[in-house]
Amino acid sequence: MEPVRDNLCCWCGATPCEWENYAEELWLAAGRVQRKLLRRKHRNRALRQTLSR
């Protein structure tokens, strides 16, 4: 009999609780990167064009 795999990620095999643990960390890291890029946006033409898309 095969184990039940409904609760596992189809790509990495991680359980949902592992994703919940990392979700907040990823969200906070994305916020830090976004703030940093927005502060530099007015100085960098290429970055300004990328963020405006």
C-alpha atoms as a PDB file:
ATOM      1  CA  MET A   1       0.000   0.000   0.000  1.00  0.00           C
ATOM      2  CA  GLU A   2       1.408   3.405  -1.025  1.00  0.00           C
ATOM      3  CA  PRO A   3       1.581   6.258   1.491  1.00  0.00           C
ATOM      4  CA  VAL A   4      -0.893   9.116   1.125  1.00  0.00           C
ATOM      5  CA  ARG A   5       0.790  11.967  -0.761  1.00  0.00           C
ATOM      6  CA  ASP A   6      -2.086  14.471  -0.963  1.00  0.00           C
ATOM      7  CA  ASN A   7      -0.498  16.818   1.564  1.00  0.00           C
ATOM      8  CA  LEU A   8       2.935  16.925  -0.073  1.00  0.00           C
ATOM      9  CA  CYS A   9       4.205  19.445  -2.579  1.00  0.00           C
ATOM     10  CA  CYS A  10       4.330  17.920  -6.058  1.00  0.00           C
ATOM     11  CA  TRP A  11       7.690  19.617  -6.821  1.00  0.00           C
ATOM     12  CA  CYS A  12       9.776  19.256  -3.692  1.00  0.00           C
ATOM     13  CA  GLY A  13       7.887  16.802  -1.482  1.00  0.00           C
ATOM     14  CA  ALA A  14       7.741  19.219   1.465  1.00  0.00           C
ATOM     15  CA  THR A  15       4.836  19.170   3.873  1.00  0.00           C
ATOM     16  CA  PRO A  16       2.571  22.232   4.075  1.00  0.00           C
ATOM     17  CA  CYS A  17       3.769  23.062   7.585  1.00  0.00           C
ATOM     18  CA  GLU A  18       7.315  23.515   6.260  1.00  0.00           C
ATOM     19  CA  TRP A  19       6.009  26.010   3.704  1.00  0.00           C
ATOM     20  CA  GLU A  20       4.153  27.888   6.444  1.00  0.00           C
ATOM     21  CA  ASN A  21       7.398  28.167   8.432  1.00  0.00           C
ATOM     22  CA  TYR A  22       9.261  29.668   5.484  1.00  0.00           C
ATOM     23  CA  ALA A  23       6.423  31.843   4.144  1.00  0.00           C
ATOM     24  CA  GLU A  24       6.860  34.601   6.734  1.00  0.00           C
ATOM     25  CA  GLU A  25      10.645  34.662   6.313  1.00  0.00           C
ATOM     26  CA  LEU A  26      10.319  34.915   2.527  1.00  0.00           C
ATOM     27  CA  TRP A  27       7.698  37.655   2.830  1.00  0.00           C
ATOM     28  CA  LEU A  28       9.911  39.719   5.152  1.00  0.00           C
ATOM     29  CA  ALA A  29      12.959  39.260   2.904  1.00  0.00           C
ATOM     30  CA  ALA A  30      10.959  40.356  -0.147  1.00  0.00           C
ATOM     31  CA  GLY A  31       9.843  43.469   1.716  1.00  0.00           C
ATOM     32  CA  ARG A  32      13.430  44.377   2.598  1.00  0.00           C
ATOM     33  CA  VAL A  33      14.584  43.943  -0.996  1.00  0.00           C
ATOM     34  CA  GLN A  34      11.660  45.933  -2.366  1.00  0.00           C
ATOM     35  CA  ARG A  35      12.282  48.872   0.007  1.00  0.00           C
ATOM     36  CA  LYS A  36      15.964  48.867  -0.894  1.00  0.00           C
ATOM     37  CA  LEU A  37      15.212  48.869  -4.630  1.00  0.00           C
ATOM     38  CA  LEU A  38      12.627  51.638  -4.309  1.00  0.00           C
ATOM     39  CA  ARG A  39      15.118  53.863  -2.462  1.00  0.00           C
ATOM     40  CA  ARG A  40      17.641  53.418  -5.269  1.00  0.00           C
ATOM     41  CA  LYS A  41      15.056  53.751  -8.016  1.00  0.00           C
ATOM     42  CA  HIS A  42      15.566  57.478  -8.591  1.00  0.00           C
ATOM     43  CA  ARG A  43      19.329  57.038  -9.108  1.00  0.00           C
ATOM     44  CA  ASN A  44      19.357  54.100 -11.502  1.00  0.00           C
ATOM     45  CA  ARG A  45      17.649  54.453 -14.902  1.00  0.00           C
ATOM     46  CA  ALA A  46      17.696  50.710 -15.716  1.00  0.00           C
ATOM     47  CA  LEU A  47      16.212  49.823 -12.331  1.00  0.00           C
ATOM     48  CA  ARG A  48      13.583  52.559 -12.686  1.00  0.00           C
ATOM     49  CA  GLN A  49      12.496  51.142 -16.050  1.00  0.00           C
ATOM     50  CA  THR A  50      12.362  47.586 -14.695  1.00  0.00           C
ATOM     51  CA  LEU A  51      10.251  48.499 -11.664  1.00  0.00           C
ATOM     52  CA  SER A  52       7.802  50.562 -13.723  1.00  0.00           C
ATOM     53  CA  ARG A  53       6.759  47.578 -15.883  1.00  0.00           C
END
